[in-house]
Amino acid sequence: MSTLFSKIAAGEIPSYKCAENDTFFAFLDINPVAPGHTLVIPRQEIDYIFDMSDEDIAAFQVFAKKVARALKQAFPCRKVGQAVIGLEVNHAHIHLIPMQSEADIDFKHHVKMSEDELKAASEKIQKAFQQL
């Protein structure tokens, strides 16, 4: 059975796409902890990131790095933080979060963003990603 994230990557569920290739997909978290909070997923359905092959996890990180570079360009910040939690959805994913300090990665607090703000954010990240 397809996971929620597989359905998003397949376009069956709407999302704010930021980047994609044949193997990976990146989209905005709709309950972000900071503006620009992006999720990066493999198109392959795998629950636990550390069950991925060495080659696949390396490619996953390389793709996430490119998304993080685009994210930093679209949302100027000191660094882009990365978190791998993996309990909320049974599909491997990486959270990329623009941050000015460690306090900016706090999953207990979220920011409210309108649909227009989310759309504008995804377009900024897509544009930056395509320029890399």
Protein backbone atom coordinates (compact mmCIF):
# COMPACT_ATOMS: atom_id res chain seq x y z
CA MET A 1 0.00 0.00 0.00
CA SER A 2 1.29 3.46 -0.89
CA THR A 3 2.42 5.73 1.92
CA LEU A 4 1.16 9.29 2.30
CA PHE A 5 4.53 10.55 1.04
CA SER A 6 4.47 8.23 -2.00
CA LYS A 7 1.07 9.64 -2.90
CA ILE A 8 2.43 13.18 -2.55
CA ALA A 9 5.43 12.40 -4.77
CA ALA A 10 3.12 10.79 -7.36
CA GLY A 11 0.92 13.90 -7.44
CA GLU A 12 -2.08 12.03 -6.01
CA ILE A 13 -2.11 14.40 -3.02
CA PRO A 14 -1.35 18.10 -3.59
CA SER A 15 1.92 19.46 -2.23
CA TYR A 16 4.20 22.46 -2.45
CA LYS A 17 6.96 20.84 -4.50
CA CYS A 18 10.46 22.26 -4.08
CA ALA A 19 12.64 19.84 -6.07
CA GLU A 20 12.60 16.40 -7.63
CA ASN A 21 14.41 13.91 -9.77
CA ASP A 22 13.67 10.31 -10.72
CA THR A 23 14.76 9.02 -7.30
CA PHE A 24 13.90 11.74 -4.76
CA PHE A 25 11.24 14.38 -4.08
CA ALA A 26 11.27 17.48 -1.86
CA PHE A 27 8.23 19.44 -0.71
CA LEU A 28 7.27 21.93 1.98
CA ASP A 29 6.11 20.67 5.34
CA ILE A 30 2.54 21.97 5.72
CA ASN A 31 3.05 22.28 9.48
CA PRO A 32 6.46 23.98 9.44
CA VAL A 33 8.62 24.85 12.40
CA ALA A 34 10.12 27.67 10.30
CA PRO A 35 9.32 29.22 6.92
CA GLY A 36 10.90 27.06 4.22
CA HIS A 37 10.80 23.84 6.31
CA THR A 38 11.18 21.18 3.61
CA LEU A 39 10.82 17.40 3.61
CA VAL A 40 13.04 15.29 1.36
CA ILE A 41 11.94 11.73 0.58
CA PRO A 42 13.07 8.83 -1.56
CA ARG A 43 10.47 7.82 -4.15
CA GLN A 44 11.16 4.22 -3.09
CA GLU A 45 8.93 3.26 -0.19
CA ILE A 46 11.20 2.47 2.71
CA ASP A 47 10.20 3.07 6.31
CA TYR A 48 13.53 3.49 8.07
CA ILE A 49 16.29 5.61 6.61
CA PHE A 50 19.00 3.32 7.99
CA ASP A 51 17.50 0.35 6.15
CA MET A 52 18.52 2.04 2.88
CA SER A 53 21.53 0.64 1.06
CA ASP A 54 24.79 2.54 1.46
CA GLU A 55 24.56 3.76 -2.13
CA ASP A 56 20.95 4.89 -1.76
CA ILE A 57 21.50 6.73 1.50
CA ALA A 58 24.55 8.46 0.03
CA ALA A 59 22.54 9.61 -3.00
CA PHE A 60 19.71 10.69 -0.67
CA GLN A 61 22.10 12.91 1.31
CA VAL A 62 23.61 14.37 -1.87
CA PHE A 63 20.13 15.29 -3.14
CA ALA A 64 19.22 16.74 0.30
CA LYS A 65 22.44 18.78 0.22
CA LYS A 66 21.42 20.37 -3.08
CA VAL A 67 17.95 21.12 -1.69
CA ALA A 68 19.57 22.62 1.43
CA ARG A 69 21.73 24.88 -0.75
CA ALA A 70 18.62 26.05 -2.62
CA LEU A 71 16.77 26.51 0.66
CA LYS A 72 19.58 28.65 2.09
CA GLN A 73 19.52 30.80 -1.03
CA ALA A 74 15.71 31.16 -0.93
CA PHE A 75 15.55 31.74 2.84
CA PRO A 76 18.77 33.43 3.96
CA CYS A 77 19.86 31.87 7.24
CA ARG A 78 23.02 30.96 9.14
CA LYS A 79 22.61 27.28 8.33
CA VAL A 80 20.06 24.74 7.21
CA GLY A 81 19.46 22.19 9.94
CA GLN A 82 18.73 18.56 9.23
CA ALA A 83 16.61 16.24 11.33
CA VAL A 84 15.73 12.60 10.76
CA ILE A 85 13.01 11.46 13.12
CA GLY A 86 10.88 9.12 11.09
CA LEU A 87 8.10 8.26 13.53
CA GLU A 88 5.29 10.42 12.21
CA VAL A 89 5.09 8.90 8.70
CA ASN A 90 6.30 5.40 7.80
CA HIS A 91 8.42 6.62 4.90
CA ALA A 92 12.06 7.68 5.22
CA HIS A 93 12.40 11.45 5.16
CA ILE A 94 14.75 14.27 6.05
CA HIS A 95 13.57 17.56 7.53
CA LEU A 96 15.54 20.56 6.23
CA ILE A 97 14.95 23.71 8.27
CA PRO A 98 16.42 27.19 7.75
CA MET A 99 17.82 28.36 11.07
CA GLN A 100 19.53 31.26 12.73
CA SER A 101 20.10 29.29 15.97
CA GLU A 102 19.57 25.80 17.35
CA ALA A 103 16.34 27.03 18.95
CA ASP A 104 14.84 27.30 15.47
CA ILE A 105 14.56 23.51 15.26
CA ASP A 106 11.85 23.01 17.83
CA PHE A 107 9.17 20.55 16.74
CA LYS A 108 6.94 21.68 19.62
CA HIS A 109 6.41 25.07 17.97
CA HIS A 110 5.15 25.66 14.48
CA VAL A 111 4.61 28.72 12.30
CA LYS A 112 1.39 29.44 10.50
CA MET A 113 1.72 30.00 6.77
CA SER A 114 -1.10 30.76 4.36
CA GLU A 115 -1.51 28.83 1.12
CA ASP A 116 -0.16 31.87 -0.74
CA GLU A 117 2.91 31.98 1.52
CA LEU A 118 3.52 28.25 1.07
CA LYS A 119 3.15 28.56 -2.71
CA ALA A 120 5.56 31.50 -2.82
CA ALA A 121 8.06 29.63 -0.63
CA SER A 122 7.99 26.51 -2.82
CA GLU A 123 8.45 28.62 -5.95
CA LYS A 124 11.47 30.40 -4.40
CA ILE A 125 13.09 27.09 -3.50
CA GLN A 126 12.31 25.54 -6.92
CA LYS A 127 13.87 28.51 -8.68
CA ALA A 128 16.99 28.36 -6.52
CA PHE A 129 17.23 24.57 -6.99
CA GLN A 130 17.01 24.87 -10.76
CA GLN A 131 19.82 27.46 -10.76
CA LEU A 132 22.25 25.15 -8.94
